[in-house]
Amino acid sequence: MSNKNTHPLESINASNVILFQKNYLMNEKPVILKGMGKDWPAIRRWSADFFKSIYGHVKAPICYYKTNSKNLITLD
């Protein structure tokens, strides 16, 4: 299903600061910045196993859009 009010976002390399500032930031235009988090330490640290070891005991409420019902799940 298509919505005529949606527009695909452009994407640029995050290292091109001048292009980002001139074409997107100054014009308040959304853009996808590719490569933005490649050196972020969490990229190497965060994994399913990491979250399971830290938060595996926590039950989190999940709301399903169609039914609005809540169920508790664990990361088993």
C-alpha atoms as a PDB file:
ATOM      1  CA  MET A   1       0.000   0.000   0.000  1.00  0.00           C
ATOM      2  CA  SER A   2       1.367   3.373  -0.991  1.00  0.00           C
ATOM      3  CA  ASN A   3       0.778   6.677   0.754  1.00  0.00           C
ATOM      4  CA  LYS A   4       1.052   9.761  -1.423  1.00  0.00           C
ATOM      5  CA  ASN A   5       2.283  11.753   1.601  1.00  0.00           C
ATOM      6  CA  THR A   6       5.458   9.697   1.941  1.00  0.00           C
ATOM      7  CA  HIS A   7       8.707  10.339   0.121  1.00  0.00           C
ATOM      8  CA  PRO A   8      11.804   8.160  -0.038  1.00  0.00           C
ATOM      9  CA  LEU A   9      14.749   9.556   1.893  1.00  0.00           C
ATOM     10  CA  GLU A  10      18.041  10.314   0.224  1.00  0.00           C
ATOM     11  CA  SER A  11      21.207   8.913   1.758  1.00  0.00           C
ATOM     12  CA  ILE A  12      24.751  10.272   1.876  1.00  0.00           C
ATOM     13  CA  ASN A  13      28.070   9.229   3.354  1.00  0.00           C
ATOM     14  CA  ALA A  14      28.249  10.507   6.939  1.00  0.00           C
ATOM     15  CA  SER A  15      31.796  11.755   6.413  1.00  0.00           C
ATOM     16  CA  ASN A  16      30.637  14.386   3.889  1.00  0.00           C
ATOM     17  CA  VAL A  17      30.003  17.112   6.499  1.00  0.00           C
ATOM     18  CA  ILE A  18      29.880  20.047   4.057  1.00  0.00           C
ATOM     19  CA  LEU A  19      27.275  18.342   1.862  1.00  0.00           C
ATOM     20  CA  PHE A  20      25.202  17.438   4.921  1.00  0.00           C
ATOM     21  CA  GLN A  21      25.270  20.971   6.334  1.00  0.00           C
ATOM     22  CA  LYS A  22      24.589  22.718   3.026  1.00  0.00           C
ATOM     23  CA  ASN A  23      21.900  20.457   1.540  1.00  0.00           C
ATOM     24  CA  TYR A  24      20.199  18.957   4.566  1.00  0.00           C
ATOM     25  CA  LEU A  25      20.887  20.655   7.907  1.00  0.00           C
ATOM     26  CA  MET A  26      20.442  24.225   6.670  1.00  0.00           C
ATOM     27  CA  ASN A  27      17.305  23.226   4.740  1.00  0.00           C
ATOM     28  CA  GLU A  28      15.911  21.070   7.585  1.00  0.00           C
ATOM     29  CA  LYS A  29      15.656  18.177   5.121  1.00  0.00           C
ATOM     30  CA  PRO A  30      15.815  14.598   6.465  1.00  0.00           C
ATOM     31  CA  VAL A  31      18.559  12.328   5.160  1.00  0.00           C
ATOM     32  CA  ILE A  32      20.025   8.922   5.992  1.00  0.00           C
ATOM     33  CA  LEU A  33      23.672   9.222   7.074  1.00  0.00           C
ATOM     34  CA  LYS A  34      25.480   6.057   5.989  1.00  0.00           C
ATOM     35  CA  GLY A  35      28.436   4.868   8.048  1.00  0.00           C
ATOM     36  CA  MET A  36      27.560   7.098  11.003  1.00  0.00           C
ATOM     37  CA  GLY A  37      28.001   4.439  13.689  1.00  0.00           C
ATOM     38  CA  LYS A  38      30.740   2.283  12.190  1.00  0.00           C
ATOM     39  CA  ASP A  39      33.273   3.330  14.859  1.00  0.00           C
ATOM     40  CA  TRP A  40      30.768   3.370  17.716  1.00  0.00           C
ATOM     41  CA  PRO A  41      31.927   0.896  20.421  1.00  0.00           C
ATOM     42  CA  ALA A  42      28.401  -0.453  20.883  1.00  0.00           C
ATOM     43  CA  ILE A  43      28.478  -1.912  17.361  1.00  0.00           C
ATOM     44  CA  ARG A  44      31.127  -4.409  18.496  1.00  0.00           C
ATOM     45  CA  ARG A  45      29.739  -4.901  22.001  1.00  0.00           C
ATOM     46  CA  TRP A  46      25.986  -5.230  21.580  1.00  0.00           C
ATOM     47  CA  SER A  47      24.693  -8.587  20.442  1.00  0.00           C
ATOM     48  CA  ALA A  48      21.775 -10.857  21.306  1.00  0.00           C
ATOM     49  CA  ASP A  49      24.082 -12.761  23.685  1.00  0.00           C
ATOM     50  CA  PHE A  50      25.151  -9.516  25.400  1.00  0.00           C
ATOM     51  CA  PHE A  51      21.567  -8.444  26.043  1.00  0.00           C
ATOM     52  CA  LYS A  52      20.549 -11.935  27.139  1.00  0.00           C
ATOM     53  CA  SER A  53      23.406 -12.091  29.665  1.00  0.00           C
ATOM     54  CA  ILE A  54      22.537  -8.663  31.123  1.00  0.00           C
ATOM     55  CA  TYR A  55      18.751  -8.534  30.757  1.00  0.00           C
ATOM     56  CA  GLY A  56      17.707 -12.149  30.153  1.00  0.00           C
ATOM     57  CA  HIS A  57      15.859 -12.305  33.458  1.00  0.00           C
ATOM     58  CA  VAL A  58      13.704  -9.231  32.684  1.00  0.00           C
ATOM     59  CA  LYS A  59      10.158  -9.703  31.447  1.00  0.00           C
ATOM     60  CA  ALA A  60       9.124  -6.977  29.028  1.00  0.00           C
ATOM     61  CA  PRO A  61       5.568  -6.092  28.008  1.00  0.00           C
ATOM     62  CA  ILE A  62       4.995  -6.358  24.280  1.00  0.00           C
ATOM     63  CA  CYS A  63       2.004  -4.669  22.672  1.00  0.00           C
ATOM     64  CA  TYR A  64       0.740  -6.062  19.389  1.00  0.00           C
ATOM     65  CA  TYR A  65      -0.626  -3.413  17.068  1.00  0.00           C
ATOM     66  CA  LYS A  66      -3.667  -5.289  15.787  1.00  0.00           C
ATOM     67  CA  THR A  67      -4.969  -6.579  19.108  1.00  0.00           C
ATOM     68  CA  ASN A  68      -3.432  -4.172  21.605  1.00  0.00           C
ATOM     69  CA  SER A  69      -2.942  -7.189  23.872  1.00  0.00           C
ATOM     70  CA  LYS A  70       0.071  -7.370  26.162  1.00  0.00           C
ATOM     71  CA  ASN A  71       2.159 -10.468  26.737  1.00  0.00           C
ATOM     72  CA  LEU A  72       5.271 -10.941  28.826  1.00  0.00           C
ATOM     73  CA  ILE A  73       8.272 -12.499  27.129  1.00  0.00           C
ATOM     74  CA  THR A  74      11.787 -13.469  28.131  1.00  0.00           C
ATOM     75  CA  LEU A  75      14.921 -13.839  26.049  1.00  0.00           C
ATOM     76  CA  ASP A  76      15.074 -17.653  26.388  1.00  0.00           C
END
